[in-house]
Amino acid sequence: ESLVREHHNLCVVGDDDQSIYGWRGAEVKHILG
C-alpha cells in the first residue's frame, strides 16, 4: 500500500475462496476489502 500510494497502479490477483493460511498470518480481509 505504501509503494502504490502515489499512483494506485496496482493489480492484485487471487481468490478469497482459496484463502487457507490464516494460521500463519494471512488475512483474507485484504482481498475482501
Full PDB file with SEQRES, HELIX, SHEET, SSBOND, CRYST1, ORIGX, SCALE, CONECT and MASTER records, all heavy atoms in Angstrom:
SEQRES   1 A   33  GLU SER LEU VAL ARG GLU HIS HIS ASN LEU CYS VAL VAL          
SEQRES   2 A   33  GLY ASP ASP ASP GLN SER ILE TYR GLY TRP ARG GLY ALA          
SEQRES   3 A   33  GLU VAL LYS HIS ILE LEU GLY                                  
HELIX    1 AA1 ASP A   16  GLN A   18  5                                   3    
HELIX    2 AA2 GLY A   22  ARG A   24  5                                   3    
HELIX    3 AA3 LYS A   29  LEU A   32  1                                   4    
CRYST1    1.000    1.000    1.000  90.00  90.00  90.00 P 1           1          
ORIGX1      1.000000  0.000000  0.000000        0.00000                         
ORIGX2      0.000000  1.000000  0.000000        0.00000                         
ORIGX3      0.000000  0.000000  1.000000        0.00000                         
SCALE1      1.000000  0.000000  0.000000        0.00000                         
SCALE2      0.000000  1.000000  0.000000        0.00000                         
SCALE3      0.000000  0.000000  1.000000        0.00000                         
ATOM      1  N   GLU A   1       0.843  -1.211   0.000  1.00  0.00           N  
ATOM      2  CA  GLU A   1       0.000   0.000   0.000  1.00  0.00           C  
ATOM      3  C   GLU A   1       0.872   1.252   0.000  1.00  0.00           C  
ATOM      4  O   GLU A   1       0.574   2.239  -0.690  1.00  0.00           O  
ATOM      5  CB  GLU A   1      -0.928  -0.029   1.224  1.00  0.00           C  
ATOM      6  CG  GLU A   1      -2.025   1.026   1.219  1.00  0.00           C  
ATOM      7  CD  GLU A   1      -1.533   2.397   1.691  1.00  0.00           C  
ATOM      8  OE1 GLU A   1      -0.662   2.444   2.585  1.00  0.00           O  
ATOM      9  OE2 GLU A   1      -2.033   3.415   1.161  1.00  0.00           O  
ATOM     10  N   SER A   2       1.989   1.213   0.751  1.00  0.00           N  
ATOM     11  CA  SER A   2       2.915   2.356   0.780  1.00  0.00           C  
ATOM     12  C   SER A   2       3.517   2.608  -0.601  1.00  0.00           C  
ATOM     13  O   SER A   2       3.622   3.751  -1.054  1.00  0.00           O  
ATOM     14  CB  SER A   2       4.055   2.099   1.777  1.00  0.00           C  
ATOM     15  OG  SER A   2       3.572   1.966   3.087  1.00  0.00           O  
ATOM     16  N   LEU A   3       3.914   1.530  -1.267  1.00  0.00           N  
ATOM     17  CA  LEU A   3       4.585   1.673  -2.561  1.00  0.00           C  
ATOM     18  C   LEU A   3       3.679   2.277  -3.635  1.00  0.00           C  
ATOM     19  O   LEU A   3       4.159   2.997  -4.516  1.00  0.00           O  
ATOM     20  CB  LEU A   3       5.097   0.310  -3.040  1.00  0.00           C  
ATOM     21  CG  LEU A   3       6.367  -0.221  -2.377  1.00  0.00           C  
ATOM     22  CD1 LEU A   3       6.683  -1.626  -2.887  1.00  0.00           C  
ATOM     23  CD2 LEU A   3       7.553   0.706  -2.630  1.00  0.00           C  
ATOM     24  N   VAL A   4       2.379   1.977  -3.605  1.00  0.00           N  
ATOM     25  CA  VAL A   4       1.482   2.428  -4.692  1.00  0.00           C  
ATOM     26  C   VAL A   4       0.646   3.636  -4.287  1.00  0.00           C  
ATOM     27  O   VAL A   4      -0.248   4.042  -5.032  1.00  0.00           O  
ATOM     28  CB  VAL A   4       0.551   1.279  -5.160  1.00  0.00           C  
ATOM     29  CG1 VAL A   4       1.362   0.080  -5.620  1.00  0.00           C  
ATOM     30  CG2 VAL A   4      -0.433   0.868  -4.065  1.00  0.00           C  
ATOM     31  N   ARG A   5       0.953   4.230  -3.138  1.00  0.00           N  
ATOM     32  CA  ARG A   5       0.107   5.313  -2.594  1.00  0.00           C  
ATOM     33  C   ARG A   5      -0.014   6.490  -3.556  1.00  0.00           C  
ATOM     34  O   ARG A   5      -1.051   7.158  -3.603  1.00  0.00           O  
ATOM     35  CB  ARG A   5       0.699   5.766  -1.260  1.00  0.00           C  
ATOM     36  CG  ARG A   5      -0.285   6.482  -0.354  1.00  0.00           C  
ATOM     37  CD  ARG A   5       0.343   6.732   1.001  1.00  0.00           C  
ATOM     38  NE  ARG A   5       0.457   5.512   1.788  1.00  0.00           N  
ATOM     39  CZ  ARG A   5       1.334   5.334   2.774  1.00  0.00           C  
ATOM     40  NH1 ARG A   5       2.197   6.298   3.069  1.00  0.00           N  
ATOM     41  NH2 ARG A   5       1.364   4.211   3.448  1.00  0.00           N  
ATOM     42  N   GLU A   6       1.038   6.762  -4.334  1.00  0.00           N  
ATOM     43  CA  GLU A   6       1.038   7.937  -5.213  1.00  0.00           C  
ATOM     44  C   GLU A   6       0.265   7.720  -6.508  1.00  0.00           C  
ATOM     45  O   GLU A   6      -0.297   8.645  -7.067  1.00  0.00           O  
ATOM     46  CB  GLU A   6       2.489   8.330  -5.542  1.00  0.00           C  
ATOM     47  CG  GLU A   6       3.302   8.771  -4.333  1.00  0.00           C  
ATOM     48  CD  GLU A   6       2.736  10.010  -3.660  1.00  0.00           C  
ATOM     49  OE1 GLU A   6       2.536  11.023  -4.359  1.00  0.00           O  
ATOM     50  OE2 GLU A   6       2.461   9.958  -2.447  1.00  0.00           O  
ATOM     51  N   HIS A   7       0.259   6.481  -7.024  1.00  0.00           N  
ATOM     52  CA  HIS A   7      -0.364   6.273  -8.348  1.00  0.00           C  
ATOM     53  C   HIS A   7      -1.474   5.221  -8.367  1.00  0.00           C  
ATOM     54  O   HIS A   7      -2.286   5.203  -9.292  1.00  0.00           O  
ATOM     55  CB  HIS A   7       0.709   5.880  -9.376  1.00  0.00           C  
ATOM     56  CG  HIS A   7       1.549   4.706  -8.977  1.00  0.00           C  
ATOM     57  ND1 HIS A   7       1.065   3.422  -8.882  1.00  0.00           N  
ATOM     58  CD2 HIS A   7       2.862   4.622  -8.652  1.00  0.00           C  
ATOM     59  CE1 HIS A   7       2.029   2.596  -8.535  1.00  0.00           C  
ATOM     60  NE2 HIS A   7       3.144   3.297  -8.370  1.00  0.00           N  
ATOM     61  N   HIS A   8      -1.535   4.337  -7.381  1.00  0.00           N  
ATOM     62  CA  HIS A   8      -2.580   3.301  -7.299  1.00  0.00           C  
ATOM     63  C   HIS A   8      -2.636   2.394  -8.524  1.00  0.00           C  
ATOM     64  O   HIS A   8      -3.675   1.780  -8.803  1.00  0.00           O  
ATOM     65  CB  HIS A   8      -3.960   3.930  -7.047  1.00  0.00           C  
ATOM     66  CG  HIS A   8      -4.169   4.322  -5.618  1.00  0.00           C  
ATOM     67  ND1 HIS A   8      -5.390   4.714  -5.123  1.00  0.00           N  
ATOM     68  CD2 HIS A   8      -3.300   4.384  -4.570  1.00  0.00           C  
ATOM     69  CE1 HIS A   8      -5.267   5.004  -3.832  1.00  0.00           C  
ATOM     70  NE2 HIS A   8      -4.002   4.817  -3.478  1.00  0.00           N  
ATOM     71  N   ASN A   9      -1.511   2.288  -9.259  1.00  0.00           N  
ATOM     72  CA  ASN A   9      -1.476   1.346 -10.387  1.00  0.00           C  
ATOM     73  C   ASN A   9      -1.130  -0.038  -9.833  1.00  0.00           C  
ATOM     74  O   ASN A   9      -0.007  -0.529  -9.979  1.00  0.00           O  
ATOM     75  CB  ASN A   9      -0.450   1.782 -11.436  1.00  0.00           C  
ATOM     76  CG  ASN A   9      -0.904   3.015 -12.197  1.00  0.00           C  
ATOM     77  OD1 ASN A   9      -2.106   3.260 -12.338  1.00  0.00           O  
ATOM     78  ND2 ASN A   9       0.049   3.802 -12.674  1.00  0.00           N  
ATOM     79  N   LEU A  10      -2.101  -0.623  -9.196  1.00  0.00           N  
ATOM     80  CA  LEU A  10      -1.903  -1.902  -8.507  1.00  0.00           C  
ATOM     81  C   LEU A  10      -2.890  -2.934  -9.041  1.00  0.00           C  
ATOM     82  O   LEU A  10      -4.102  -2.709  -9.021  1.00  0.00           O  
ATOM     83  CB  LEU A  10      -2.112  -1.730  -6.999  1.00  0.00           C  
ATOM     84  CG  LEU A  10      -2.110  -3.017  -6.156  1.00  0.00           C  
ATOM     85  CD1 LEU A  10      -0.734  -3.679  -6.182  1.00  0.00           C  
ATOM     86  CD2 LEU A  10      -2.526  -2.710  -4.713  1.00  0.00           C  
ATOM     87  N   CYS A  11      -2.369  -4.047  -9.517  1.00  0.00           N  
ATOM     88  CA  CYS A  11      -3.223  -5.158  -9.943  1.00  0.00           C  
ATOM     89  C   CYS A  11      -2.955  -6.341  -9.023  1.00  0.00           C  
ATOM     90  O   CYS A  11      -1.815  -6.827  -8.945  1.00  0.00           O  
ATOM     91  CB  CYS A  11      -2.906  -5.539 -11.392  1.00  0.00           C  
ATOM     92  SG  CYS A  11      -3.815  -7.000 -11.958  1.00  0.00           S  
ATOM     93  N   VAL A  12      -3.973  -6.778  -8.306  1.00  0.00           N  
ATOM     94  CA  VAL A  12      -3.816  -7.943  -7.433  1.00  0.00           C  
ATOM     95  C   VAL A  12      -4.658  -9.088  -7.986  1.00  0.00           C  
ATOM     96  O   VAL A  12      -5.775  -8.885  -8.467  1.00  0.00           O  
ATOM     97  CB  VAL A  12      -4.194  -7.637  -5.966  1.00  0.00           C  
ATOM     98  CG1 VAL A  12      -3.348  -6.495  -5.429  1.00  0.00           C  
ATOM     99  CG2 VAL A  12      -5.674  -7.335  -5.806  1.00  0.00           C  
ATOM    100  N   VAL A  13      -4.097 -10.270  -7.925  1.00  0.00           N  
ATOM    101  CA  VAL A  13      -4.767 -11.456  -8.458  1.00  0.00           C  
ATOM    102  C   VAL A  13      -4.873 -12.479  -7.340  1.00  0.00           C  
ATOM    103  O   VAL A  13      -3.885 -12.767  -6.649  1.00  0.00           O  
ATOM    104  CB  VAL A  13      -3.975 -12.058  -9.636  1.00  0.00           C  
ATOM    105  CG1 VAL A  13      -4.729 -13.249 -10.233  1.00  0.00           C  
ATOM    106  CG2 VAL A  13      -3.711 -11.002 -10.697  1.00  0.00           C  
ATOM    107  N   GLY A  14      -6.052 -13.014  -7.128  1.00  0.00           N  
ATOM    108  CA  GLY A  14      -6.213 -14.009  -6.075  1.00  0.00           C  
ATOM    109  C   GLY A  14      -7.639 -14.505  -6.001  1.00  0.00           C  
ATOM    110  O   GLY A  14      -8.490 -14.148  -6.821  1.00  0.00           O  
ATOM    111  N   ASP A  15      -7.890 -15.325  -5.004  1.00  0.00           N  
ATOM    112  CA  ASP A  15      -9.220 -15.926  -4.832  1.00  0.00           C  
ATOM    113  C   ASP A  15      -9.504 -16.042  -3.340  1.00  0.00           C  
ATOM    114  O   ASP A  15      -8.862 -16.848  -2.653  1.00  0.00           O  
ATOM    115  CB  ASP A  15      -9.249 -17.312  -5.497  1.00  0.00           C  
ATOM    116  CG  ASP A  15     -10.623 -17.975  -5.403  1.00  0.00           C  
ATOM    117  OD1 ASP A  15     -11.579 -17.295  -4.987  1.00  0.00           O  
ATOM    118  OD2 ASP A  15     -10.724 -19.166  -5.745  1.00  0.00           O  
ATOM    119  N   ASP A  16     -10.444 -15.245  -2.859  1.00  0.00           N  
ATOM    120  CA  ASP A  16     -10.776 -15.307  -1.430  1.00  0.00           C  
ATOM    121  C   ASP A  16     -11.272 -16.699  -1.038  1.00  0.00           C  
ATOM    122  O   ASP A  16     -11.113 -17.118   0.112  1.00  0.00           O  
ATOM    123  CB  ASP A  16     -11.822 -14.252  -1.068  1.00  0.00           C  
ATOM    124  CG  ASP A  16     -13.031 -14.258  -2.004  1.00  0.00           C  
ATOM    125  OD1 ASP A  16     -12.847 -14.050  -3.214  1.00  0.00           O  
ATOM    126  OD2 ASP A  16     -14.158 -14.502  -1.527  1.00  0.00           O  
ATOM    127  N   ASP A  17     -11.839 -17.442  -2.004  1.00  0.00           N  
ATOM    128  CA  ASP A  17     -12.324 -18.796  -1.700  1.00  0.00           C  
ATOM    129  C   ASP A  17     -11.184 -19.786  -1.486  1.00  0.00           C  
ATOM    130  O   ASP A  17     -11.422 -20.927  -1.079  1.00  0.00           O  
ATOM    131  CB  ASP A  17     -13.239 -19.307  -2.828  1.00  0.00           C  
ATOM    132  CG  ASP A  17     -14.571 -18.567  -2.864  1.00  0.00           C  
ATOM    133  OD1 ASP A  17     -14.998 -18.058  -1.811  1.00  0.00           O  
ATOM    134  OD2 ASP A  17     -15.173 -18.491  -3.949  1.00  0.00           O  
ATOM    135  N   GLN A  18      -9.955 -19.380  -1.795  1.00  0.00           N  
ATOM    136  CA  GLN A  18      -8.800 -20.260  -1.571  1.00  0.00           C  
ATOM    137  C   GLN A  18      -7.848 -19.688  -0.517  1.00  0.00           C  
ATOM    138  O   GLN A  18      -6.667 -20.027  -0.486  1.00  0.00           O  
ATOM    139  CB  GLN A  18      -8.056 -20.502  -2.887  1.00  0.00           C  
ATOM    140  CG  GLN A  18      -8.894 -21.262  -3.914  1.00  0.00           C  
ATOM    141  CD  GLN A  18      -8.098 -21.619  -5.154  1.00  0.00           C  
ATOM    142  OE1 GLN A  18      -7.254 -22.509  -5.140  1.00  0.00           O  
ATOM    143  NE2 GLN A  18      -8.365 -20.907  -6.239  1.00  0.00           N  
ATOM    144  N   SER A  19      -8.370 -18.845   0.367  1.00  0.00           N  
ATOM    145  CA  SER A  19      -7.560 -18.300   1.460  1.00  0.00           C  
ATOM    146  C   SER A  19      -7.550 -19.314   2.608  1.00  0.00           C  
ATOM    147  O   SER A  19      -8.520 -19.433   3.352  1.00  0.00           O  
ATOM    148  CB  SER A  19      -8.148 -16.965   1.932  1.00  0.00           C  
ATOM    149  OG  SER A  19      -7.392 -16.453   2.998  1.00  0.00           O  
ATOM    150  N   ILE A  20      -6.436 -20.060   2.745  1.00  0.00           N  
ATOM    151  CA  ILE A  20      -6.400 -21.177   3.703  1.00  0.00           C  
ATOM    152  C   ILE A  20      -5.196 -21.106   4.648  1.00  0.00           C  
ATOM    153  O   ILE A  20      -4.865 -22.083   5.307  1.00  0.00           O  
ATOM    154  CB  ILE A  20      -6.374 -22.531   2.957  1.00  0.00           C  
ATOM    155  CG1 ILE A  20      -5.152 -22.637   2.038  1.00  0.00           C  
ATOM    156  CG2 ILE A  20      -7.670 -22.738   2.173  1.00  0.00           C  
ATOM    157  CD1 ILE A  20      -4.956 -24.013   1.405  1.00  0.00           C  
ATOM    158  N   TYR A  21      -4.561 -19.925   4.719  1.00  0.00           N  
ATOM    159  CA  TYR A  21      -3.359 -19.825   5.547  1.00  0.00           C  
ATOM    160  C   TYR A  21      -3.508 -18.845   6.708  1.00  0.00           C  
ATOM    161  O   TYR A  21      -2.542 -18.218   7.136  1.00  0.00           O  
ATOM    162  CB  TYR A  21      -2.154 -19.430   4.686  1.00  0.00           C  
ATOM    163  CG  TYR A  21      -1.785 -20.475   3.665  1.00  0.00           C  
ATOM    164  CD1 TYR A  21      -1.898 -20.225   2.302  1.00  0.00           C  
ATOM    165  CD2 TYR A  21      -1.331 -21.729   4.064  1.00  0.00           C  
ATOM    166  CE1 TYR A  21      -1.569 -21.183   1.358  1.00  0.00           C  
ATOM    167  CE2 TYR A  21      -1.003 -22.705   3.129  1.00  0.00           C  
ATOM    168  CZ  TYR A  21      -1.126 -22.423   1.783  1.00  0.00           C  
ATOM    169  OH  TYR A  21      -0.812 -23.386   0.863  1.00  0.00           O  
ATOM    170  N   GLY A  22      -4.721 -18.733   7.248  1.00  0.00           N  
ATOM    171  CA  GLY A  22      -4.945 -17.847   8.390  1.00  0.00           C  
ATOM    172  C   GLY A  22      -4.053 -18.195   9.566  1.00  0.00           C  
ATOM    173  O   GLY A  22      -3.604 -17.323  10.308  1.00  0.00           O  
ATOM    174  N   TRP A  23      -3.763 -19.475   9.738  1.00  0.00           N  
ATOM    175  CA  TRP A  23      -2.948 -19.943  10.859  1.00  0.00           C  
ATOM    176  C   TRP A  23      -1.508 -19.463  10.780  1.00  0.00           C  
ATOM    177  O   TRP A  23      -0.780 -19.508  11.762  1.00  0.00           O  
ATOM    178  CB  TRP A  23      -2.987 -21.471  10.944  1.00  0.00           C  
ATOM    179  CG  TRP A  23      -2.710 -22.142   9.639  1.00  0.00           C  
ATOM    180  CD1 TRP A  23      -3.605 -22.371   8.633  1.00  0.00           C  
ATOM    181  CD2 TRP A  23      -1.459 -22.641   9.169  1.00  0.00           C  
ATOM    182  NE1 TRP A  23      -2.987 -22.995   7.571  1.00  0.00           N  
ATOM    183  CE2 TRP A  23      -1.676 -23.182   7.870  1.00  0.00           C  
ATOM    184  CE3 TRP A  23      -0.182 -22.715   9.718  1.00  0.00           C  
ATOM    185  CZ2 TRP A  23      -0.671 -23.758   7.117  1.00  0.00           C  
ATOM    186  CZ3 TRP A  23       0.830 -23.294   8.960  1.00  0.00           C  
ATOM    187  CH2 TRP A  23       0.587 -23.807   7.680  1.00  0.00           C  
ATOM    188  N   ARG A  24      -1.077 -18.986   9.617  1.00  0.00           N  
ATOM    189  CA  ARG A  24       0.286 -18.452   9.562  1.00  0.00           C  
ATOM    190  C   ARG A  24       0.297 -16.966   9.215  1.00  0.00           C  
ATOM    191  O   ARG A  24       1.284 -16.438   8.736  1.00  0.00           O  
ATOM    192  CB  ARG A  24       1.157 -19.270   8.611  1.00  0.00           C  
ATOM    193  CG  ARG A  24       0.896 -19.156   7.151  1.00  0.00           C  
ATOM    194  CD  ARG A  24       1.858 -20.077   6.377  1.00  0.00           C  
ATOM    195  NE  ARG A  24       1.763 -19.842   4.948  1.00  0.00           N  
ATOM    196  CZ  ARG A  24       2.106 -20.735   4.040  1.00  0.00           C  
ATOM    197  NH1 ARG A  24       2.562 -21.905   4.404  1.00  0.00           N  
ATOM    198  NH2 ARG A  24       2.012 -20.450   2.751  1.00  0.00           N  
ATOM    199  N   GLY A  25      -0.798 -16.290   9.510  1.00  0.00           N  
ATOM    200  CA  GLY A  25      -0.811 -14.830   9.443  1.00  0.00           C  
ATOM    201  C   GLY A  25      -1.526 -14.212   8.261  1.00  0.00           C  
ATOM    202  O   GLY A  25      -1.746 -13.001   8.237  1.00  0.00           O  
ATOM    203  N   ALA A  26      -1.900 -15.021   7.248  1.00  0.00           N  
ATOM    204  CA  ALA A  26      -2.606 -14.464   6.089  1.00  0.00           C  
ATOM    205  C   ALA A  26      -3.971 -13.946   6.520  1.00  0.00           C  
ATOM    206  O   ALA A  26      -4.636 -14.543   7.359  1.00  0.00           O  
ATOM    207  CB  ALA A  26      -2.767 -15.524   5.009  1.00  0.00           C  
ATOM    208  N   GLU A  27      -4.367 -12.808   5.942  1.00  0.00           N  
ATOM    209  CA  GLU A  27      -5.642 -12.189   6.322  1.00  0.00           C  
ATOM    210  C   GLU A  27      -6.513 -12.010   5.081  1.00  0.00           C  
ATOM    211  O   GLU A  27      -6.206 -11.191   4.210  1.00  0.00           O  
ATOM    212  CB  GLU A  27      -5.391 -10.838   7.003  1.00  0.00           C  
ATOM    213  CG  GLU A  27      -4.593 -10.947   8.297  1.00  0.00           C  
ATOM    214  CD  GLU A  27      -4.303  -9.593   8.915  1.00  0.00           C  
ATOM    215  OE1 GLU A  27      -5.252  -8.954   9.391  1.00  0.00           O  
ATOM    216  OE2 GLU A  27      -3.128  -9.187   8.909  1.00  0.00           O  
ATOM    217  N   VAL A  28      -7.613 -12.766   5.031  1.00  0.00           N  
ATOM    218  CA  VAL A  28      -8.499 -12.722   3.872  1.00  0.00           C  
ATOM    219  C   VAL A  28      -9.155 -11.348   3.721  1.00  0.00           C  
ATOM    220  O   VAL A  28      -9.597 -10.976   2.634  1.00  0.00           O  
ATOM    221  CB  VAL A  28      -9.566 -13.843   3.977  1.00  0.00           C  
ATOM    222  CG1 VAL A  28     -10.568 -13.556   5.086  1.00  0.00           C  
ATOM    223  CG2 VAL A  28     -10.270 -14.064   2.640  1.00  0.00           C  
ATOM    224  N   LYS A  29      -9.151 -10.560   4.805  1.00  0.00           N  
ATOM    225  CA  LYS A  29      -9.810  -9.242   4.751  1.00  0.00           C  
ATOM    226  C   LYS A  29      -9.161  -8.322   3.708  1.00  0.00           C  
ATOM    227  O   LYS A  29      -9.806  -7.410   3.195  1.00  0.00           O  
ATOM    228  CB  LYS A  29      -9.786  -8.575   6.126  1.00  0.00           C  
ATOM    229  CG  LYS A  29      -8.415  -8.139   6.605  1.00  0.00           C  
ATOM    230  CD  LYS A  29      -8.483  -7.507   7.991  1.00  0.00           C  
ATOM    231  CE  LYS A  29      -7.102  -7.024   8.442  1.00  0.00           C  
ATOM    232  NZ  LYS A  29      -7.148  -6.453   9.801  1.00  0.00           N  
ATOM    233  N   HIS A  30      -7.885  -8.552   3.380  1.00  0.00           N  
ATOM    234  CA  HIS A  30      -7.230  -7.674   2.413  1.00  0.00           C  
ATOM    235  C   HIS A  30      -7.847  -7.809   1.027  1.00  0.00           C  
ATOM    236  O   HIS A  30      -8.068  -6.802   0.345  1.00  0.00           O  
ATOM    237  CB  HIS A  30      -5.724  -7.980   2.342  1.00  0.00           C  
ATOM    238  CG  HIS A  30      -5.022  -7.767   3.644  1.00  0.00           C  
ATOM    239  ND1 HIS A  30      -4.036  -8.604   4.123  1.00  0.00           N  
ATOM    240  CD2 HIS A  30      -5.191  -6.824   4.598  1.00  0.00           C  
ATOM    241  CE1 HIS A  30      -3.628  -8.172   5.295  1.00  0.00           C  
ATOM    242  NE2 HIS A  30      -4.316  -7.109   5.616  1.00  0.00           N  
ATOM    243  N   ILE A  31      -8.151  -9.032   0.614  1.00  0.00           N  
ATOM    244  CA  ILE A  31      -8.765  -9.207  -0.706  1.00  0.00           C  
ATOM    245  C   ILE A  31     -10.259  -8.864  -0.657  1.00  0.00           C  
ATOM    246  O   ILE A  31     -10.810  -8.327  -1.608  1.00  0.00           O  
ATOM    247  CB  ILE A  31      -8.526 -10.641  -1.258  1.00  0.00           C  
ATOM    248  CG1 ILE A  31      -8.879 -10.702  -2.750  1.00  0.00           C  
ATOM    249  CG2 ILE A  31      -9.271 -11.701  -0.468  1.00  0.00           C  
ATOM    250  CD1 ILE A  31      -8.367 -11.957  -3.450  1.00  0.00           C  
ATOM    251  N   LEU A  32     -10.894  -9.124   0.499  1.00  0.00           N  
ATOM    252  CA  LEU A  32     -12.320  -8.790   0.628  1.00  0.00           C  
ATOM    253  C   LEU A  32     -12.535  -7.272   0.650  1.00  0.00           C  
ATOM    254  O   LEU A  32     -13.534  -6.772   0.144  1.00  0.00           O  
ATOM    255  CB  LEU A  32     -12.902  -9.424   1.897  1.00  0.00           C  
ATOM    256  CG  LEU A  32     -12.998 -10.953   1.915  1.00  0.00           C  
ATOM    257  CD1 LEU A  32     -13.501 -11.451   3.264  1.00  0.00           C  
ATOM    258  CD2 LEU A  32     -13.909 -11.456   0.791  1.00  0.00           C  
ATOM    259  N   GLY A  33     -11.584  -6.539   1.246  1.00  0.00           N  
ATOM    260  CA  GLY A  33     -11.754  -5.092   1.391  1.00  0.00           C  
ATOM    261  C   GLY A  33     -10.981  -4.273   0.375  1.00  0.00           C  
ATOM    262  O   GLY A  33     -10.783  -3.057   0.569  1.00  0.00           O  
TER     263      GLY A  33                                                      
MASTER        0    0    0    3    0    0    0    6  262    1    0    3          
END                                                                             
